N, C-alpha and C. Protein backbone atom coordinates (compact mmCIF):
# COMPACT_ATOMS: atom_id res chain seq x y z
N MET A 1 124.13 50.25 28.65
CA MET A 1 123.71 48.55 29.15
C MET A 1 125.59 48.09 29.68
N GLY A 2 125.03 48.09 30.88
CA GLY A 2 126.72 46.40 30.97
C GLY A 2 127.38 47.17 32.56
N THR A 3 125.75 48.43 32.98
CA THR A 3 126.37 49.34 34.33
C THR A 3 126.42 49.04 34.97
N THR A 4 127.41 49.53 35.79
CA THR A 4 127.51 48.45 37.65
C THR A 4 125.65 48.64 37.74
N ALA A 5 125.47 49.74 37.79
CA ALA A 5 123.65 49.88 38.18
C ALA A 5 122.61 48.99 37.39
N ASN A 6 122.71 48.99 36.31
CA ASN A 6 121.84 47.95 35.67
C ASN A 6 122.41 46.66 36.68
N LEU A 7 123.96 45.73 36.27
CA LEU A 7 124.18 44.85 36.90
C LEU A 7 123.80 44.40 38.20
N LYS A 8 123.67 45.47 39.05
CA LYS A 8 123.14 45.45 40.59
C LYS A 8 121.52 45.40 40.46
N PHE A 9 120.82 46.00 39.48
CA PHE A 9 119.24 45.42 39.79
C PHE A 9 119.05 44.21 38.83
N TYR A 10 120.00 43.84 38.18
CA TYR A 10 119.73 42.34 37.48
C TYR A 10 120.01 40.97 38.65
N VAL A 11 121.14 41.67 39.55
CA VAL A 11 121.86 40.70 40.07
C VAL A 11 120.51 40.16 41.37
N GLU A 12 119.55 41.60 41.96
CA GLU A 12 119.25 41.57 42.71
C GLU A 12 117.80 40.80 42.27
N ILE A 13 117.54 40.57 41.17
CA ILE A 13 116.01 39.75 41.16
C ILE A 13 116.34 38.78 40.67
N LEU A 14 117.13 38.41 39.68
CA LEU A 14 118.27 36.89 39.38
C LEU A 14 118.65 36.48 40.18
N LYS A 15 117.11 34.99 39.63
CA LYS A 15 117.12 33.43 40.43
C LYS A 15 117.92 32.51 39.44
N CYS A 16 118.19 31.46 39.53
CA CYS A 16 118.51 30.58 38.64
C CYS A 16 118.86 29.09 39.90
N GLY A 17 117.96 28.57 38.94
CA GLY A 17 117.63 27.62 39.72
C GLY A 17 117.51 27.34 41.41
N ASN A 18 118.75 26.44 42.43
CA ASN A 18 118.64 27.12 43.51
C ASN A 18 119.46 27.91 43.88
N TYR A 19 120.45 28.14 43.06
CA TYR A 19 121.25 29.21 43.38
C TYR A 19 120.62 30.62 43.70
N CYS A 20 121.06 31.15 44.02
CA CYS A 20 120.93 32.97 44.13
C CYS A 20 121.97 33.17 44.19
N ILE A 21 122.09 34.72 42.84
CA ILE A 21 123.12 35.89 42.24
C ILE A 21 123.42 36.04 44.16
N LEU A 22 124.29 37.08 44.45
CA LEU A 22 123.66 37.71 46.04
C LEU A 22 123.82 39.11 44.71
N LEU A 23 123.83 40.41 45.72
CA LEU A 23 124.07 41.64 45.28
C LEU A 23 125.60 41.48 45.38
N GLU A 24 126.61 40.99 44.74
CA GLU A 24 127.50 41.42 44.17
C GLU A 24 127.94 41.94 43.18
N THR A 25 128.75 42.89 42.34
CA THR A 25 129.36 44.29 41.62
C THR A 25 130.62 42.91 41.56
N SER A 26 131.46 42.45 42.33
CA SER A 26 132.94 42.14 41.56
C SER A 26 133.13 41.04 40.93
N LYS A 27 133.83 41.70 39.57
CA LYS A 27 134.03 39.84 39.19
C LYS A 27 134.39 38.99 39.27
N LYS A 28 135.78 38.55 40.83
CA LYS A 28 135.91 37.62 40.93
C LYS A 28 134.91 37.17 41.53
N TYR A 29 133.92 37.66 42.54
CA TYR A 29 133.17 37.15 42.85
C TYR A 29 131.83 36.48 41.25
N LEU A 30 131.50 37.33 41.09
CA LEU A 30 130.58 36.42 40.11
C LEU A 30 131.12 34.95 39.32
N SER A 31 133.20 35.12 38.91
CA SER A 31 133.28 35.08 37.95
C SER A 31 133.45 33.44 38.48
N LYS A 32 133.93 32.87 40.09
CA LYS A 32 134.06 32.35 40.98
C LYS A 32 132.60 30.95 40.83
N TYR A 33 131.70 31.46 40.63
CA TYR A 33 130.42 31.08 40.98
C TYR A 33 129.65 30.80 39.79
N TRP A 34 130.44 31.40 38.60
CA TRP A 34 130.21 31.53 36.94
C TRP A 34 129.35 29.51 36.56
N ASP A 35 130.38 29.07 36.85
CA ASP A 35 129.70 27.41 36.78
C ASP A 35 128.28 26.75 37.58
N LYS A 36 128.35 28.07 38.16
CA LYS A 36 127.21 27.18 39.25
C LYS A 36 125.78 27.82 38.91
N LEU A 37 125.76 28.96 37.88
CA LEU A 37 124.93 29.20 37.24
C LEU A 37 124.46 28.74 36.38
N LEU A 38 122.64 28.73 35.60
CA LEU A 38 122.23 28.34 34.58
C LEU A 38 121.57 29.94 34.55
N ILE A 39 121.65 31.06 33.11
CA ILE A 39 121.23 31.54 33.23
C ILE A 39 120.34 32.03 31.81
N ASN A 40 118.43 31.42 31.87
CA ASN A 40 117.77 31.32 30.26
C ASN A 40 117.35 32.78 29.47
N ASP A 41 117.62 33.30 30.52
CA ASP A 41 117.33 34.98 30.16
C ASP A 41 118.74 35.58 29.47
N PRO A 42 118.69 35.31 27.49
CA PRO A 42 119.47 35.94 26.95
C PRO A 42 120.17 37.49 27.37
N LYS A 43 118.42 37.76 27.79
CA LYS A 43 119.12 39.64 28.40
C LYS A 43 119.86 39.99 28.69
N ILE A 44 119.32 38.79 30.17
CA ILE A 44 120.38 39.09 31.23
C ILE A 44 121.10 38.78 30.85
N CYS A 45 121.48 37.22 30.46
CA CYS A 45 122.85 36.86 30.10
C CYS A 45 123.79 37.73 29.41
N SER A 46 123.47 38.73 28.27
CA SER A 46 124.34 39.47 28.07
C SER A 46 124.54 40.48 28.64
N ILE A 47 123.90 41.31 29.88
CA ILE A 47 124.17 41.95 30.29
C ILE A 47 124.97 41.58 31.72
N VAL A 48 125.52 40.71 32.79
CA VAL A 48 126.35 40.59 32.92
C VAL A 48 127.51 39.39 32.37
N LEU A 49 127.30 39.09 31.53
CA LEU A 49 128.92 38.65 30.18
C LEU A 49 129.64 40.09 30.03
N GLU A 50 128.75 41.15 29.46
CA GLU A 50 129.13 42.10 29.25
C GLU A 50 129.69 43.25 30.28
N PHE A 51 129.00 43.05 31.32
CA PHE A 51 129.78 43.50 32.70
C PHE A 51 131.33 42.67 33.18
N LEU A 52 130.93 41.18 32.70
CA LEU A 52 132.72 40.67 32.78
C LEU A 52 133.08 40.88 32.23
N HIS A 53 133.32 40.87 30.95
CA HIS A 53 134.73 41.27 29.44
C HIS A 53 134.47 42.72 29.34
């Protein structure tokens, strides 16, 4: 869990309201837009958070 491969997969398919997370694995990129994202799926959220930490 939390591998780059997993993150790429989930980031590619995940859409949050009007915001789409682009296929980008940079921690800075995700952190920069984190406040704009609403992730309702706990499984996906935990994977992304695990990657960030």
